[in-house]
Amino acid sequence: LSAFVLRCFLEADPYIDIDQNVLHRTYTWLK
């Protein structure tokens, strides 16, 4: 589920303001 959410956030990033730290922590956790 987290991978799906991360992908959605990355696709939506140009349209909404997403904290880059959240994206980085999610990506690191998935690895």
C-alpha atoms as a PDB file:
ATOM      1  CA  LEU A   1       0.000   0.000   0.000  1.00  0.00           C
ATOM      2  CA  SER A   2       2.798   2.427   0.848  1.00  0.00           C
ATOM      3  CA  ALA A   3       4.345   1.948  -2.590  1.00  0.00           C
ATOM      4  CA  PHE A   4       1.008   2.800  -4.206  1.00  0.00           C
ATOM      5  CA  VAL A   5       0.598   5.915  -2.055  1.00  0.00           C
ATOM      6  CA  LEU A   6       4.170   7.004  -2.783  1.00  0.00           C
ATOM      7  CA  ARG A   7       3.559   6.632  -6.520  1.00  0.00           C
ATOM      8  CA  CYS A   8       0.345   8.659  -6.277  1.00  0.00           C
ATOM      9  CA  PHE A   9       2.114  11.386  -4.305  1.00  0.00           C
ATOM     10  CA  LEU A  10       4.929  11.555  -6.847  1.00  0.00           C
ATOM     11  CA  GLU A  11       2.419  11.850  -9.704  1.00  0.00           C
ATOM     12  CA  ALA A  12       0.447  14.545  -7.846  1.00  0.00           C
ATOM     13  CA  ASP A  13       3.535  16.512  -6.770  1.00  0.00           C
ATOM     14  CA  PRO A  14       3.309  19.098  -9.582  1.00  0.00           C
ATOM     15  CA  TYR A  15      -0.278  19.920  -8.577  1.00  0.00           C
ATOM     16  CA  ILE A  16      -0.179  19.904  -4.769  1.00  0.00           C
ATOM     17  CA  ASP A  17       2.465  20.788  -2.201  1.00  0.00           C
ATOM     18  CA  ILE A  18       3.843  17.610  -0.618  1.00  0.00           C
ATOM     19  CA  ASP A  19       6.550  17.670   2.028  1.00  0.00           C
ATOM     20  CA  GLN A  20       9.667  16.209   0.411  1.00  0.00           C
ATOM     21  CA  ASN A  21      10.748  14.779   3.778  1.00  0.00           C
ATOM     22  CA  VAL A  22       7.614  12.631   3.854  1.00  0.00           C
ATOM     23  CA  LEU A  23       8.332  11.294   0.374  1.00  0.00           C
ATOM     24  CA  HIS A  24      11.955  10.596   1.258  1.00  0.00           C
ATOM     25  CA  ARG A  25      11.081   8.783   4.504  1.00  0.00           C
ATOM     26  CA  THR A  26       8.488   6.651   2.715  1.00  0.00           C
ATOM     27  CA  TYR A  27      10.948   5.770  -0.046  1.00  0.00           C
ATOM     28  CA  THR A  28      13.661   4.918   2.496  1.00  0.00           C
ATOM     29  CA  TRP A  29      11.254   2.759   4.498  1.00  0.00           C
ATOM     30  CA  LEU A  30      10.268   0.824   1.367  1.00  0.00           C
ATOM     31  CA  LYS A  31      13.888   0.030   0.549  1.00  0.00           C
END
